[in-house]
Amino acid sequence: MNTRGLKPLRWSATWWIAAAVAARNVNGLRHIRRTLAWADQPVRTGNRRAVEPMVLHVVIPVLREQQQITAALAWFVPLLRDFPGSTLTLVTTAREEAERQHLATLLAGATAADLTVERFPQLTGDELAALGKALTGTGEGTLTDAVAAEMLSGFPTTADIVTAELARLPQADPLVRHVHYRGDGRKAAQVNAAVEQLAIADAEQEYIAVYDVDSRPSRELLERTAEFLARRRAADGELPCVVQQSARFATQGAAGAWWERSLCRGAARAQTLWTVRREIPNLRQQADTARCPHTGPGLPGLAQTVGHGLLVRTDVFRKVGGLPTFTVLDDVAFGYRLTLDGIPVDSLPFTTTVPAAEYLRELLAQSERWFQSYLDYPKCAACWHAEGHGSSRDHAMALTIGAYRGMAWLLVSPATALCLALALDPRTRLPVRAAAATALWASAVAPVRALAVAEGQPLTVRATAVRSAETLAGLLLKSVGPLTALGRWAVSGTRHTALAPKSNRRTVPSTTTDREFA
């Protein structure tokens, strides 16, 4: 067999793949530098002008958050006192009791060795310790569901903790409320239930602000938000419809093994780079396009909202029917709905910092959970097209954009691994190796240095090498969660689970003043 013609063909294929990855990464680096030049810029005190009061109705849906309630109240109540008319609503859910019963069933047959955070991340350390003690007391080698249910019922639910903590608060401003959602929906349904019970004085002037229980928005963040709202009102004649407070991600080194701490740091940095490379530029483009006279066919981009730090003007929230509850997750689907109506989603030019996954198992589960949003695009198109929202062309464009974004996520790890192999293989031809090296430099070296410079912490050569290697490892792992999501869906035939796909938060929340991503 004559194989002389195969080498040029093989070289051509690897060249085009490496060149395509390099081009995408270099373009992403351009977006990173533009975003860093736009976001988190210092504001001179003399240039700050008095702005109108901002009214926020902060809604925090909680599930298995017993250990977080006290700290959340201690943060939000004093913070919102400086914004008259603002409120704080903690939304518990009856799902917690149902999930506790399901956990008891899962615990049946568990041995002492099984009672670990890795096996049961939904349980707190105290609950695991109590189950272990009960197992010892019974003299049996395994738990029964009856014993497990009895031990778990002895611990207060999140609703119990919220009720107790609110009883200890003095009459405070802002008004702190507790709403207990009795349906079987998840986060979106909890938020919608809370908003339905809010007394809004002026829907066009007040915002629903969705945060997580471990969110710690600083006073500076809210002041920057108020200034941004004032600028947009001056430019548009009205307050912006939706504002997204985008996040950077940081770990606290909770894992015991050095390699796990390093891997999670790299994954957090890779996620931060996605925020400044993709999320913020896409939102800015969508908002700019949505505000322009739109005479041609098609959508004004496709907003990709995030269910943390999401501010929605109350009249807009009601107009679109609240957060979508028919999808597995609500954030990306909500952006889809806003885009259909031509509603701009503004990116706040000031980022917050949120906790990132601290353990490999948690990291993979989080990535798998987030990818569910991309799998919801077809359901969004089918539902809203049937209801008359958007044209067939609009939905075709949205599905195309969503498919591209989903495929890009799925291919991050394979593309990074291929470029790494080509760059390190001495047999690789020089043009191919150069393209692969450029792809790696633009994805894990130049962005890391740009982040550090923007944070006022230029890196040494050694620090650059360490952080770049961590980030590269994070990119090599990035596609595992999405692939797991697809595999689990293919095997089980469903993406819905009895337990909410989250674990108890076991780390101290980060704040917007934390800019260290080492």
Protein backbone atom coordinates (compact mmCIF):
# COMPACT_ATOMS: atom_id res chain seq x y z
CA MET A 1 0.00 0.00 0.00
CA ASN A 2 1.35 3.40 -0.92
CA THR A 3 1.36 5.69 2.16
CA ARG A 4 3.47 8.52 0.76
CA GLY A 5 0.42 10.77 0.32
CA LEU A 6 -0.86 10.30 3.86
CA LYS A 7 1.67 12.52 5.64
CA PRO A 8 0.65 15.77 3.92
CA LEU A 9 -3.01 14.95 4.55
CA ARG A 10 -2.37 14.22 8.25
CA TRP A 11 -0.25 17.35 8.56
CA SER A 12 -2.99 19.39 6.92
CA ALA A 13 -5.66 18.15 9.32
CA THR A 14 -3.62 18.85 12.46
CA TRP A 15 -2.57 22.22 11.09
CA TRP A 16 -6.13 23.34 10.50
CA ILE A 17 -7.29 22.12 13.90
CA ALA A 18 -4.42 23.80 15.73
CA ALA A 19 -4.83 26.97 13.70
CA ALA A 20 -8.57 27.10 14.37
CA VAL A 21 -8.05 26.66 18.12
CA ALA A 22 -5.31 29.28 18.07
CA ALA A 23 -7.52 31.75 16.20
CA ARG A 24 -10.39 31.25 18.65
CA ASN A 25 -8.11 31.62 21.67
CA VAL A 26 -6.38 34.72 20.31
CA ASN A 27 -9.77 36.29 19.65
CA GLY A 28 -10.76 35.34 23.20
CA LEU A 29 -7.59 37.01 24.50
CA ARG A 30 -8.61 40.17 22.67
CA HIS A 31 -11.96 40.09 24.44
CA ILE A 32 -10.26 39.51 27.79
CA ARG A 33 -8.07 42.58 27.39
CA ARG A 34 -11.02 44.72 26.29
CA THR A 35 -13.11 43.55 29.25
CA LEU A 36 -10.32 44.12 31.76
CA ALA A 37 -9.82 47.64 30.37
CA TRP A 38 -13.57 48.30 30.86
CA ALA A 39 -14.47 46.56 34.12
CA ASP A 40 -13.41 47.30 37.70
CA GLN A 41 -11.84 50.64 36.86
CA PRO A 42 -11.25 52.97 39.83
CA VAL A 43 -13.66 55.87 40.17
CA ARG A 44 -12.32 59.19 41.36
CA THR A 45 -14.14 60.41 44.42
CA GLY A 46 -14.51 63.86 42.94
CA ASN A 47 -16.27 62.42 39.91
CA ARG A 48 -18.89 60.61 41.93
CA ARG A 49 -22.19 62.39 41.82
CA ALA A 50 -25.20 61.99 44.03
CA VAL A 51 -27.56 59.38 42.65
CA GLU A 52 -31.17 58.61 43.35
CA PRO A 53 -31.85 55.93 45.97
CA MET A 54 -31.87 52.39 44.60
CA VAL A 55 -34.59 50.05 45.83
CA LEU A 56 -33.66 46.37 45.78
CA HIS A 57 -35.88 43.49 46.76
CA VAL A 58 -33.21 40.87 47.43
CA VAL A 59 -34.51 37.32 47.06
CA ILE A 60 -32.38 34.42 48.31
CA PRO A 61 -33.73 30.91 47.64
CA VAL A 62 -32.33 28.40 50.14
CA LEU A 63 -32.24 24.60 50.31
CA ARG A 64 -30.17 22.67 52.87
CA GLU A 65 -28.53 25.95 53.95
CA GLN A 66 -28.90 25.63 57.73
CA GLN A 67 -25.31 26.63 58.41
CA GLN A 68 -25.41 29.71 56.16
CA ILE A 69 -28.50 31.58 57.37
CA THR A 70 -27.02 33.45 60.33
CA ALA A 71 -24.06 34.75 58.33
CA ALA A 72 -26.28 35.76 55.41
CA LEU A 73 -28.56 37.80 57.66
CA ALA A 74 -25.59 39.41 59.39
CA TRP A 75 -24.32 40.55 55.98
CA PHE A 76 -27.46 41.62 54.14
CA VAL A 77 -29.48 43.35 56.87
CA PRO A 78 -26.90 46.08 57.66
CA LEU A 79 -26.04 46.40 53.96
CA LEU A 80 -29.61 47.05 52.82
CA ARG A 81 -30.35 49.54 55.60
CA ASP A 82 -28.46 52.08 53.49
CA PHE A 83 -30.96 51.63 50.65
CA PRO A 84 -34.35 52.79 51.97
CA GLY A 85 -37.33 50.77 50.80
CA SER A 86 -35.22 47.70 50.07
CA THR A 87 -36.21 44.30 51.43
CA LEU A 88 -34.65 40.89 52.00
CA THR A 89 -36.61 37.69 51.45
CA LEU A 90 -35.34 34.23 52.36
CA VAL A 91 -37.27 31.55 50.48
CA THR A 92 -37.25 28.07 51.96
CA THR A 93 -38.92 25.13 50.27
CA ALA A 94 -40.90 22.00 51.07
CA ARG A 95 -38.52 20.15 48.74
CA GLU A 96 -36.12 19.96 51.65
CA GLU A 97 -38.41 17.67 53.66
CA ALA A 98 -39.04 15.50 50.60
CA GLU A 99 -35.34 15.29 49.82
CA ARG A 100 -34.59 14.37 53.43
CA GLN A 101 -36.87 11.36 53.07
CA HIS A 102 -35.14 10.43 49.83
CA LEU A 103 -31.75 10.71 51.52
CA ALA A 104 -32.93 8.35 54.25
CA THR A 105 -33.76 5.80 51.54
CA LEU A 106 -30.33 6.26 49.96
CA LEU A 107 -28.67 5.78 53.37
CA ALA A 108 -30.27 2.36 53.81
CA GLY A 109 -27.49 -0.21 53.72
CA ALA A 110 -24.72 2.35 54.27
CA THR A 111 -21.76 1.27 56.41
CA ALA A 112 -19.57 3.48 58.58
CA ALA A 113 -17.08 3.74 55.72
CA ASP A 114 -19.85 5.08 53.45
CA LEU A 115 -20.71 8.03 55.70
CA THR A 116 -18.43 10.56 54.03
CA VAL A 117 -18.81 13.97 52.46
CA GLU A 118 -17.77 12.51 49.11
CA ARG A 119 -20.53 9.89 49.19
CA PHE A 120 -23.23 12.14 50.70
CA PRO A 121 -22.35 15.79 49.92
CA GLN A 122 -25.96 16.80 50.70
CA LEU A 123 -25.41 16.11 54.42
CA THR A 124 -23.63 18.32 56.93
CA GLY A 125 -20.73 17.14 59.04
CA ASP A 126 -22.96 17.03 62.11
CA GLU A 127 -25.53 14.90 60.32
CA LEU A 128 -22.88 12.46 59.13
CA ALA A 129 -21.42 12.24 62.65
CA ALA A 130 -24.87 11.58 64.15
CA LEU A 131 -25.57 8.85 61.61
CA GLY A 132 -22.24 7.24 62.40
CA LYS A 133 -23.00 7.32 66.12
CA ALA A 134 -26.45 5.82 65.52
CA LEU A 135 -24.91 3.06 63.44
CA THR A 136 -22.52 2.22 66.28
CA GLY A 137 -25.36 2.27 68.80
CA THR A 138 -27.50 -0.20 66.88
CA GLY A 139 -24.73 -2.77 66.78
CA GLU A 140 -25.58 -3.44 63.13
CA GLY A 141 -23.16 -3.22 60.28
CA THR A 142 -25.43 -1.09 58.09
CA LEU A 143 -28.03 1.63 58.50
CA THR A 144 -31.72 1.12 57.92
CA ASP A 145 -33.86 3.78 56.29
CA ALA A 146 -35.93 4.03 59.50
CA VAL A 147 -32.87 4.79 61.64
CA ALA A 148 -31.55 7.23 59.06
CA ALA A 149 -34.90 9.04 58.84
CA GLU A 150 -35.13 9.26 62.64
CA MET A 151 -31.64 10.74 62.97
CA LEU A 152 -32.14 13.26 60.15
CA SER A 153 -35.50 14.38 61.57
CA GLY A 154 -33.71 15.42 64.75
CA PHE A 155 -31.93 18.21 62.89
CA PRO A 156 -33.71 21.49 62.13
CA THR A 157 -34.57 22.26 58.52
CA THR A 158 -33.49 25.46 56.84
CA ALA A 159 -37.02 26.79 57.38
CA ASP A 160 -36.69 26.11 61.11
CA ILE A 161 -33.40 28.01 61.26
CA VAL A 162 -34.78 30.96 59.29
CA THR A 163 -37.81 31.21 61.58
CA ALA A 164 -35.62 31.11 64.68
CA GLU A 165 -33.15 33.68 63.36
CA LEU A 166 -35.85 36.12 62.29
CA ALA A 167 -37.44 35.88 65.73
CA ARG A 168 -34.18 37.13 67.20
CA LEU A 169 -33.99 40.18 64.95
CA PRO A 170 -35.27 43.54 66.24
CA GLN A 171 -37.68 45.54 64.14
CA ALA A 172 -35.31 46.39 61.35
CA ASP A 173 -35.15 48.37 58.18
CA PRO A 174 -35.04 46.81 55.63
CA LEU A 175 -37.95 44.51 56.29
CA VAL A 176 -36.74 40.91 56.38
CA ARG A 177 -39.28 38.30 55.32
CA HIS A 178 -39.48 34.53 55.19
CA VAL A 179 -41.47 32.82 52.44
CA HIS A 180 -41.91 29.05 52.54
CA TYR A 181 -42.58 27.63 49.08
CA ARG A 182 -44.76 24.51 49.29
CA GLY A 183 -44.47 23.27 45.71
CA ASP A 184 -41.95 20.84 44.29
CA GLY A 185 -40.20 23.31 41.97
CA ARG A 186 -36.65 24.44 42.43
CA LYS A 187 -34.81 27.75 42.59
CA ALA A 188 -36.83 29.56 39.90
CA ALA A 189 -40.14 28.52 41.46
CA GLN A 190 -38.93 29.72 44.88
CA VAL A 191 -37.97 33.12 43.49
CA ASN A 192 -41.27 33.50 41.63
CA ALA A 193 -43.24 32.59 44.75
CA ALA A 194 -41.40 35.24 46.75
CA VAL A 195 -41.92 37.94 44.12
CA GLU A 196 -45.66 37.21 44.00
CA GLN A 197 -45.89 38.16 47.67
CA LEU A 198 -43.88 41.37 47.41
CA ALA A 199 -45.64 44.70 47.85
CA ILE A 200 -44.06 46.87 45.16
CA ALA A 201 -44.68 50.62 45.34
CA ASP A 202 -43.38 51.45 41.85
CA ALA A 203 -42.64 48.50 39.57
CA GLU A 204 -40.71 50.62 37.06
CA GLN A 205 -38.34 51.97 39.72
CA GLU A 206 -37.63 48.92 41.89
CA TYR A 207 -35.60 45.78 41.24
CA ILE A 208 -35.79 42.11 42.07
CA ALA A 209 -32.22 41.10 42.98
CA VAL A 210 -31.50 37.36 42.98
CA TYR A 211 -28.53 36.19 45.05
CA ASP A 212 -27.30 32.94 46.57
CA VAL A 213 -27.08 32.44 50.32
CA ASP A 214 -23.28 32.64 50.17
CA SER A 215 -23.31 35.83 48.08
CA ARG A 216 -21.59 38.76 49.76
CA PRO A 217 -22.21 41.87 47.62
CA SER A 218 -20.24 44.75 49.09
CA ARG A 219 -21.43 48.27 49.67
CA GLU A 220 -19.07 49.38 46.90
CA LEU A 221 -20.74 46.95 44.50
CA LEU A 222 -24.20 48.32 45.27
CA GLU A 223 -22.96 51.91 45.04
CA ARG A 224 -21.43 51.15 41.64
CA THR A 225 -24.73 49.55 40.64
CA ALA A 226 -26.68 52.65 41.69
CA GLU A 227 -24.31 54.88 39.70
CA PHE A 228 -24.67 52.65 36.65
CA LEU A 229 -28.46 52.77 36.90
CA ALA A 230 -28.33 56.58 37.06
CA ARG A 231 -26.11 56.76 33.98
CA ARG A 232 -28.39 54.49 32.00
CA ARG A 233 -31.47 56.48 33.07
CA ALA A 234 -29.78 59.66 31.85
CA ALA A 235 -28.95 58.06 28.50
CA ASP A 236 -32.20 56.14 27.90
CA GLY A 237 -34.81 58.08 29.84
CA GLU A 238 -35.60 55.06 32.00
CA LEU A 239 -33.89 52.62 34.31
CA PRO A 240 -32.31 49.59 32.60
CA CYS A 241 -34.50 46.51 32.41
CA VAL A 242 -32.01 43.90 33.55
CA VAL A 243 -28.52 44.20 35.02
CA GLN A 244 -26.12 41.30 35.45
CA GLN A 245 -23.43 41.51 38.12
CA SER A 246 -20.84 39.17 36.66
CA ALA A 247 -18.53 37.20 38.93
CA ARG A 248 -14.95 36.15 39.28
CA PHE A 249 -14.27 32.88 41.06
CA ALA A 250 -11.93 32.12 43.95
CA THR A 251 -11.10 29.09 46.07
CA GLN A 252 -10.04 29.05 49.71
CA GLY A 253 -7.79 26.00 49.65
CA ALA A 254 -10.14 23.76 51.61
CA ALA A 255 -9.02 20.48 50.00
CA GLY A 256 -6.46 18.43 51.91
CA ALA A 257 -4.35 17.29 48.97
CA TRP A 258 -2.11 19.85 47.27
CA TRP A 259 -2.97 18.58 43.81
CA GLU A 260 -6.69 18.99 44.47
CA ARG A 261 -6.21 22.54 45.77
CA SER A 262 -4.12 23.37 42.72
CA LEU A 263 -6.58 21.81 40.29
CA CYS A 264 -9.54 23.66 41.79
CA ARG A 265 -7.60 26.95 41.75
CA GLY A 266 -6.91 26.41 38.06
CA ALA A 267 -10.53 25.56 37.32
CA ALA A 268 -11.69 28.68 39.19
CA ARG A 269 -9.28 30.82 37.19
CA ALA A 270 -10.45 29.20 33.95
CA GLN A 271 -14.04 30.02 34.90
CA THR A 272 -13.04 33.62 35.65
CA LEU A 273 -11.45 33.81 32.23
CA TRP A 274 -14.70 32.56 30.70
CA THR A 275 -16.52 35.40 32.47
CA VAL A 276 -14.28 38.10 31.04
CA ARG A 277 -13.77 36.38 27.67
CA ARG A 278 -17.32 35.28 26.85
CA GLU A 279 -20.02 36.23 29.35
CA ILE A 280 -19.37 39.97 29.66
CA PRO A 281 -18.59 40.63 25.95
CA ASN A 282 -21.72 38.71 24.89
CA LEU A 283 -23.91 40.69 27.29
CA ARG A 284 -22.43 43.99 26.17
CA GLN A 285 -23.04 43.12 22.52
CA GLN A 286 -26.61 41.99 23.21
CA ALA A 287 -27.44 45.15 25.17
CA ASP A 288 -25.96 47.48 22.55
CA THR A 289 -27.76 45.70 19.71
CA ALA A 290 -31.09 45.51 21.55
CA ARG A 291 -31.05 49.28 22.09
CA CYS A 292 -30.44 50.05 18.43
CA PRO A 293 -33.30 50.23 15.92
CA HIS A 294 -33.55 46.62 14.80
CA THR A 295 -34.85 46.56 11.26
CA GLY A 296 -33.15 43.44 9.93
CA PRO A 297 -34.19 39.84 10.60
CA GLY A 298 -32.80 37.85 13.50
CA LEU A 299 -32.03 38.24 17.17
CA PRO A 300 -29.97 40.96 18.87
CA GLY A 301 -27.39 38.40 19.99
CA LEU A 302 -28.34 35.96 22.75
CA ALA A 303 -28.11 37.02 26.38
CA GLN A 304 -26.69 34.41 28.74
CA THR A 305 -27.81 35.46 32.18
CA VAL A 306 -26.55 33.92 35.43
CA GLY A 307 -28.78 33.27 38.42
CA HIS A 308 -26.47 35.10 40.82
CA GLY A 309 -26.25 38.87 41.05
CA LEU A 310 -29.19 39.20 38.65
CA LEU A 311 -31.19 42.44 38.93
CA VAL A 312 -34.51 42.58 37.09
CA ARG A 313 -36.79 45.60 37.07
CA THR A 314 -40.02 44.47 38.68
CA ASP A 315 -42.30 45.37 35.77
CA VAL A 316 -40.01 43.47 33.39
CA PHE A 317 -39.94 40.47 35.73
CA ARG A 318 -43.73 40.36 35.68
CA LYS A 319 -43.98 41.04 31.96
CA VAL A 320 -41.93 37.96 31.04
CA GLY A 321 -43.64 35.79 33.65
CA GLY A 322 -40.76 35.51 36.09
CA LEU A 323 -37.97 32.97 35.89
CA PRO A 324 -38.64 29.90 33.71
CA THR A 325 -39.65 26.85 35.75
CA PHE A 326 -40.01 24.28 32.95
CA THR A 327 -36.25 23.91 32.42
CA VAL A 328 -33.69 22.13 34.62
CA LEU A 329 -31.94 25.44 35.33
CA ASP A 330 -33.32 28.95 34.94
CA ASP A 331 -30.46 31.33 34.18
CA VAL A 332 -29.60 30.71 30.52
CA ALA A 333 -33.27 30.08 29.74
CA PHE A 334 -34.17 33.47 31.26
CA GLY A 335 -31.65 35.17 28.96
CA TYR A 336 -33.23 33.39 26.00
CA ARG A 337 -36.67 34.74 26.98
CA LEU A 338 -35.37 38.29 27.41
CA THR A 339 -33.65 38.19 24.03
CA LEU A 340 -36.85 37.12 22.29
CA ASP A 341 -38.55 40.27 23.57
CA GLY A 342 -35.60 42.48 22.61
CA ILE A 343 -34.95 43.35 26.27
CA PRO A 344 -31.34 44.50 26.81
CA VAL A 345 -29.33 42.81 29.55
CA ASP A 346 -26.66 45.19 30.80
CA SER A 347 -23.40 43.94 32.22
CA LEU A 348 -22.32 45.93 35.27
CA PRO A 349 -18.77 47.24 34.74
CA PHE A 350 -17.77 46.04 38.20
CA THR A 351 -17.37 42.38 39.11
CA THR A 352 -18.04 40.52 42.32
CA THR A 353 -16.12 37.53 43.67
CA VAL A 354 -17.87 34.27 44.50
CA PRO A 355 -16.70 30.96 46.01
CA ALA A 356 -15.60 28.29 43.58
CA ALA A 357 -15.66 24.51 44.00
CA GLU A 358 -13.06 23.31 46.51
CA TYR A 359 -13.06 19.57 45.75
CA LEU A 360 -12.70 17.63 42.52
CA ARG A 361 -15.99 15.79 43.00
CA GLU A 362 -17.79 19.08 43.65
CA LEU A 363 -16.09 20.68 40.65
CA LEU A 364 -17.21 17.94 38.27
CA ALA A 365 -20.76 17.94 39.67
CA GLN A 366 -20.97 21.72 39.30
CA SER A 367 -19.78 21.59 35.69
CA GLU A 368 -22.28 18.84 34.91
CA ARG A 369 -25.08 20.89 36.50
CA TRP A 370 -24.20 24.08 34.63
CA PHE A 371 -24.14 22.30 31.27
CA GLN A 372 -27.79 21.39 31.74
CA SER A 373 -28.64 24.94 30.63
CA TYR A 374 -27.32 24.29 27.13
CA LEU A 375 -29.42 21.14 26.88
CA ASP A 376 -32.49 23.25 27.70
CA TYR A 377 -32.27 25.43 24.58
CA PRO A 378 -34.50 23.13 22.46
CA LYS A 379 -37.16 23.08 25.18
CA CYS A 380 -37.05 26.90 25.35
CA ALA A 381 -37.52 27.14 21.59
CA ALA A 382 -40.41 24.68 21.55
CA CYS A 383 -42.23 26.27 24.50
CA TRP A 384 -41.92 29.91 23.56
CA HIS A 385 -42.45 29.38 19.85
CA ALA A 386 -45.72 27.59 20.70
CA GLU A 387 -46.72 30.57 22.85
CA GLY A 388 -46.00 33.00 20.00
CA HIS A 389 -42.80 34.52 21.39
CA GLY A 390 -40.29 35.02 18.60
CA SER A 391 -40.34 33.96 14.98
CA SER A 392 -39.10 30.68 13.56
CA ARG A 393 -36.01 32.53 12.33
CA ASP A 394 -35.37 33.90 15.83
CA HIS A 395 -35.51 30.45 17.38
CA ALA A 396 -33.35 28.94 14.63
CA MET A 397 -30.70 31.59 15.28
CA ALA A 398 -30.92 31.09 19.06
CA LEU A 399 -30.56 27.33 18.71
CA THR A 400 -27.58 27.78 16.40
CA ILE A 401 -25.85 30.10 18.88
CA GLY A 402 -26.67 27.77 21.76
CA ALA A 403 -25.38 24.73 19.86
CA TYR A 404 -22.15 26.56 19.05
CA ARG A 405 -21.63 27.53 22.69
CA GLY A 406 -22.38 24.03 23.91
CA MET A 407 -20.03 22.42 21.38
CA ALA A 408 -17.30 24.92 22.23
CA TRP A 409 -17.56 23.87 25.88
CA LEU A 410 -17.53 20.16 24.99
CA LEU A 411 -14.42 20.61 22.84
CA VAL A 412 -12.35 22.72 25.26
CA SER A 413 -10.61 19.74 26.86
CA PRO A 414 -10.02 17.70 23.67
CA ALA A 415 -8.73 20.76 21.82
CA THR A 416 -6.43 21.73 24.70
CA ALA A 417 -5.12 18.16 25.02
CA LEU A 418 -4.46 17.93 21.28
CA CYS A 419 -2.59 21.24 21.21
CA LEU A 420 -0.53 20.20 24.23
CA ALA A 421 0.38 16.90 22.60
CA LEU A 422 1.32 18.61 19.32
CA ALA A 423 3.41 21.25 21.09
CA LEU A 424 5.35 18.66 23.13
CA ASP A 425 5.83 16.02 20.42
CA PRO A 426 9.28 16.53 18.83
CA ARG A 427 8.00 14.86 15.63
CA THR A 428 5.41 17.60 15.09
CA ARG A 429 6.22 19.84 12.13
CA LEU A 430 7.22 23.36 13.01
CA PRO A 431 4.15 25.18 11.56
CA VAL A 432 1.80 22.84 13.43
CA ARG A 433 3.78 23.14 16.66
CA ALA A 434 3.78 26.93 16.35
CA ALA A 435 0.00 27.00 15.93
CA ALA A 436 -0.50 24.64 18.89
CA ALA A 437 1.85 26.66 21.09
CA THR A 438 0.03 29.85 20.14
CA ALA A 439 -3.28 28.25 21.13
CA LEU A 440 -1.89 27.26 24.54
CA TRP A 441 -0.26 30.65 25.12
CA ALA A 442 -3.51 32.48 24.28
CA SER A 443 -5.61 30.23 26.56
CA ALA A 444 -3.48 29.78 29.68
CA VAL A 445 -0.45 32.10 29.74
CA ALA A 446 -1.30 35.53 28.34
CA PRO A 447 -4.76 35.64 30.04
CA VAL A 448 -3.27 34.72 33.42
CA ARG A 449 -0.74 37.54 33.15
CA ALA A 450 -3.44 39.96 31.98
CA LEU A 451 -5.62 39.09 34.99
CA ALA A 452 -2.73 39.62 37.38
CA VAL A 453 -1.82 42.98 35.86
CA ALA A 454 -5.45 44.13 36.01
CA GLU A 455 -5.52 43.18 39.70
CA GLY A 456 -2.33 45.18 40.34
CA GLN A 457 -0.28 42.04 41.02
CA PRO A 458 2.22 41.50 38.17
CA LEU A 459 3.60 37.96 38.24
CA THR A 460 7.14 36.67 38.37
CA VAL A 461 8.21 34.09 35.81
CA ARG A 462 7.80 31.31 38.36
CA ALA A 463 4.34 32.49 39.45
CA THR A 464 3.29 32.78 35.81
CA ALA A 465 4.40 29.21 35.16
CA VAL A 466 2.57 27.87 38.23
CA ARG A 467 -0.69 29.70 37.55
CA SER A 468 -0.58 28.91 33.83
CA ALA A 469 -0.07 25.20 34.58
CA GLU A 470 -2.99 25.25 37.03
CA THR A 471 -5.19 26.99 34.48
CA LEU A 472 -4.17 24.53 31.78
CA ALA A 473 -5.13 21.66 34.09
CA GLY A 474 -8.49 23.33 34.67
CA LEU A 475 -9.05 23.56 30.92
CA LEU A 476 -8.12 19.90 30.45
CA LEU A 477 -10.84 19.03 32.96
CA LYS A 478 -13.45 21.51 31.72
CA SER A 479 -15.30 19.17 29.35
CA VAL A 480 -15.64 16.26 31.78
CA GLY A 481 -18.79 17.60 33.45
CA PRO A 482 -20.63 18.28 30.15
CA LEU A 483 -19.69 14.84 28.83
CA THR A 484 -20.96 13.29 32.06
CA ALA A 485 -24.23 15.20 31.70
CA LEU A 486 -24.72 13.86 28.19
CA GLY A 487 -23.82 10.32 29.25
CA ARG A 488 -26.13 10.35 32.25
CA TRP A 489 -28.96 11.67 30.09
CA ALA A 490 -28.36 8.97 27.47
CA VAL A 491 -28.36 6.19 30.08
CA SER A 492 -31.22 7.37 32.32
CA GLY A 493 -33.37 9.06 29.71
CA THR A 494 -34.01 12.04 31.99
CA ARG A 495 -32.11 15.01 33.34
CA HIS A 496 -34.33 15.50 36.40
CA THR A 497 -33.22 14.04 39.73
CA ALA A 498 -34.95 13.50 43.06
CA LEU A 499 -32.23 15.44 44.86
CA ALA A 500 -31.38 18.99 43.86
CA PRO A 501 -27.95 18.81 42.17
CA LYS A 502 -26.07 20.72 44.85
CA SER A 503 -24.22 20.05 48.07
CA ASN A 504 -24.02 21.81 51.40
CA ARG A 505 -21.73 24.82 51.25
CA ARG A 506 -18.80 24.12 53.51
CA THR A 507 -16.57 27.13 52.97
CA VAL A 508 -16.63 30.73 54.07
CA PRO A 509 -18.21 32.99 51.42
CA SER A 510 -15.97 35.33 49.46
CA THR A 511 -16.61 39.05 49.05
CA THR A 512 -16.09 41.67 46.37
CA THR A 513 -13.01 42.94 48.20
CA ASP A 514 -11.20 39.64 47.60
CA ARG A 515 -9.17 40.05 44.42
CA GLU A 516 -6.59 37.33 45.08
CA PHE A 517 -6.90 34.39 42.72
CA ALA A 518 -3.65 32.63 43.60
